[in-house]
Amino acid sequence: MNIVEVGRVVALETGAVWVETIRSSACGSCAARSGCGHRTLAGILTSDKGLVRARDSQALKAQDCSVNDRVEISIPSSILSVGALTLYGVPLVAGITVAMMVGGDSDTRAAGGFFAGLLGAFVALRWMSSQSLFGTVEPSLERIVETANDGSIIQVET
């Protein structure tokens, strides 16, 4: 299963395009959306639009796209699941491990160890990401939703 997003092509490269997407969150379908501050915080900290580099796929090549075309891009949901598990799970395991190692009979040392392990894991993950040790994951082009010819938008049937 793939996660699919629609965006507008803003630049072309050999073998890839840059797509501007409107960032959406799960807040629209969450039952707690009215009482949760995540949506408000996300709106303050990020803009509504994001740029994503999408590579060629078997379904669509970058050379078939033009600037201002609306395209569908996709990423396998398994990659998102593994990424979320790594981002959230590794720091928790590191925090618990360090807390158990240094805690002994002291709650204060256990709490300090937990936060030290958490911080250390976040720093390590950030460093690994900056060194591209996880590899690069880019969405792939799926199909053209609308194409722009001479400034006008024409619906494309697929």
Protein backbone atom coordinates (compact mmCIF):
# COMPACT_ATOMS: atom_id res chain seq x y z
CA MET A 1 0.00 0.00 0.00
CA ASN A 2 1.27 3.46 -0.88
CA ILE A 3 0.64 6.88 0.60
CA VAL A 4 -0.37 9.22 -2.24
CA GLU A 5 -0.23 13.03 -2.36
CA VAL A 6 -1.10 15.47 -5.15
CA GLY A 7 1.12 18.46 -5.86
CA ARG A 8 2.21 20.96 -8.50
CA VAL A 9 5.45 20.57 -10.47
CA VAL A 10 7.67 23.62 -9.87
CA ALA A 11 11.00 22.47 -11.37
CA LEU A 12 12.36 19.73 -13.61
CA GLU A 13 15.58 17.70 -13.32
CA THR A 14 16.95 14.74 -15.22
CA GLY A 15 15.11 11.76 -13.77
CA ALA A 16 13.13 13.76 -11.19
CA VAL A 17 10.83 16.71 -10.61
CA TRP A 18 10.33 19.09 -7.69
CA VAL A 19 6.73 19.06 -6.52
CA GLU A 20 5.08 21.64 -4.27
CA THR A 21 2.57 19.99 -1.98
CA ILE A 22 0.12 21.43 0.50
CA ARG A 23 0.99 19.86 3.81
CA SER A 24 -1.87 18.03 5.37
CA SER A 25 -2.00 16.29 8.69
CA ALA A 26 -4.04 13.54 10.22
CA CYS A 27 -5.76 16.18 12.34
CA GLY A 28 -8.72 16.35 9.97
CA SER A 29 -9.72 12.77 10.70
CA CYS A 30 -8.76 12.59 14.38
CA ALA A 31 -11.55 12.49 16.94
CA ALA A 32 -9.57 14.69 19.36
CA ARG A 33 -8.83 17.47 16.87
CA SER A 34 -10.77 20.12 18.77
CA GLY A 35 -8.98 19.49 22.06
CA CYS A 36 -5.47 18.84 20.78
CA GLY A 37 -2.79 21.51 20.39
CA HIS A 38 -0.75 19.60 17.79
CA ARG A 39 -2.55 21.17 14.83
CA THR A 40 -2.06 24.69 16.21
CA LEU A 41 1.60 24.04 16.98
CA ALA A 42 2.21 22.53 13.54
CA GLY A 43 0.59 25.56 11.93
CA ILE A 44 2.85 27.93 13.84
CA LEU A 45 6.09 26.03 13.25
CA THR A 46 5.68 25.07 9.58
CA SER A 47 4.39 26.64 6.41
CA ASP A 48 1.46 25.16 4.53
CA LYS A 49 3.54 24.23 1.50
CA GLY A 50 6.50 21.91 1.13
CA LEU A 51 8.87 21.04 -1.69
CA VAL A 52 9.45 17.37 -2.44
CA ARG A 53 11.79 15.80 -4.99
CA ALA A 54 9.97 12.95 -6.77
CA ARG A 55 11.85 10.50 -8.99
CA ASP A 56 10.87 8.62 -12.13
CA SER A 57 8.75 5.50 -11.79
CA GLN A 58 7.58 2.82 -14.17
CA ALA A 59 4.24 4.61 -14.42
CA LEU A 60 5.55 8.11 -15.22
CA LYS A 61 8.86 9.67 -16.28
CA ALA A 62 9.96 13.17 -15.27
CA GLN A 63 10.45 14.12 -18.92
CA ASP A 64 6.70 13.63 -19.47
CA CYS A 65 5.93 16.40 -16.95
CA SER A 66 5.92 20.17 -17.36
CA VAL A 67 6.08 23.00 -14.86
CA ASN A 68 2.63 23.68 -13.30
CA ASP A 69 1.36 20.15 -14.02
CA ARG A 70 -0.47 18.58 -11.10
CA VAL A 71 0.92 15.13 -10.38
CA GLU A 72 0.39 12.31 -7.92
CA ILE A 73 3.44 11.19 -5.97
CA SER A 74 3.61 8.17 -3.70
CA ILE A 75 5.78 6.54 -1.06
CA PRO A 76 5.36 3.01 0.33
CA SER A 77 3.61 3.05 3.71
CA SER A 78 6.11 0.48 5.01
CA ILE A 79 8.89 3.08 4.73
CA LEU A 80 6.84 5.52 6.80
CA SER A 81 6.14 2.83 9.42
CA VAL A 82 9.82 1.85 9.75
CA GLY A 83 10.82 5.52 9.92
CA ALA A 84 8.30 6.27 12.67
CA LEU A 85 9.35 3.20 14.62
CA THR A 86 13.01 4.24 14.34
CA LEU A 87 12.37 7.87 15.23
CA TYR A 88 10.20 7.12 18.26
CA GLY A 89 11.28 3.62 19.32
CA VAL A 90 15.07 3.98 19.35
CA PRO A 91 15.13 6.99 21.72
CA LEU A 92 12.66 5.31 24.09
CA VAL A 93 14.66 2.09 24.22
CA ALA A 94 17.88 4.08 24.72
CA GLY A 95 16.29 6.14 27.49
CA ILE A 96 14.95 3.10 29.33
CA THR A 97 18.25 1.24 28.95
CA VAL A 98 20.34 4.11 30.34
CA ALA A 99 17.82 4.70 33.14
CA MET A 100 18.07 1.05 34.19
CA MET A 101 21.87 1.09 34.03
CA VAL A 102 22.42 4.22 36.15
CA GLY A 103 19.25 4.33 38.24
CA GLY A 104 20.02 1.91 41.01
CA ASP A 105 18.02 2.98 44.07
CA SER A 106 17.72 6.63 43.06
CA ASP A 107 14.71 7.90 41.16
CA THR A 108 16.57 11.11 40.35
CA ARG A 109 19.45 9.23 38.71
CA ALA A 110 16.98 7.03 36.82
CA ALA A 111 15.11 10.09 35.51
CA GLY A 112 18.38 11.81 34.61
CA GLY A 113 19.60 8.65 32.88
CA PHE A 114 16.36 8.37 30.93
CA PHE A 115 16.62 11.92 29.62
CA ALA A 116 20.34 11.50 28.89
CA GLY A 117 19.61 8.32 26.90
CA LEU A 118 16.76 10.03 25.08
CA LEU A 119 18.91 13.02 24.17
CA GLY A 120 21.84 10.84 23.15
CA ALA A 121 19.64 8.77 20.84
CA PHE A 122 18.12 11.88 19.22
CA VAL A 123 21.61 13.31 18.64
CA ALA A 124 22.81 9.98 17.20
CA LEU A 125 19.80 9.71 14.88
CA ARG A 126 20.29 13.30 13.72
CA TRP A 127 23.98 12.65 13.01
CA MET A 128 23.17 9.40 11.16
CA SER A 129 20.58 11.25 9.08
CA SER A 130 23.03 14.04 8.20
CA GLN A 131 25.59 11.44 7.09
CA SER A 132 22.92 9.76 4.92
CA LEU A 133 23.44 6.46 6.73
CA PHE A 134 19.74 5.66 6.35
CA GLY A 135 19.82 6.21 2.59
CA THR A 136 17.65 8.60 0.66
CA VAL A 137 13.95 7.92 0.37
CA GLU A 138 12.20 9.86 -2.35
CA PRO A 139 8.63 9.58 -3.49
CA SER A 140 7.99 8.36 -6.99
CA LEU A 141 5.85 9.91 -9.71
CA GLU A 142 2.60 8.05 -10.25
CA ARG A 143 0.48 9.96 -12.76
CA ILE A 144 -0.40 13.39 -14.12
CA VAL A 145 -3.68 14.59 -12.64
CA GLU A 146 -3.87 17.86 -14.61
CA THR A 147 -1.55 19.34 -17.18
CA ALA A 148 -0.90 23.02 -17.83
CA ASN A 149 -0.61 24.05 -21.48
CA ASP A 150 -0.09 27.71 -22.31
CA GLY A 151 -1.16 28.74 -18.81
CA SER A 152 -4.50 26.94 -18.97
CA ILE A 153 -5.23 23.75 -17.05
CA ILE A 154 -6.70 20.80 -18.90
CA GLN A 155 -8.02 17.66 -17.24
CA VAL A 156 -6.16 14.49 -18.29
CA GLU A 157 -8.03 11.20 -18.33
CA THR A 158 -6.14 8.12 -17.14
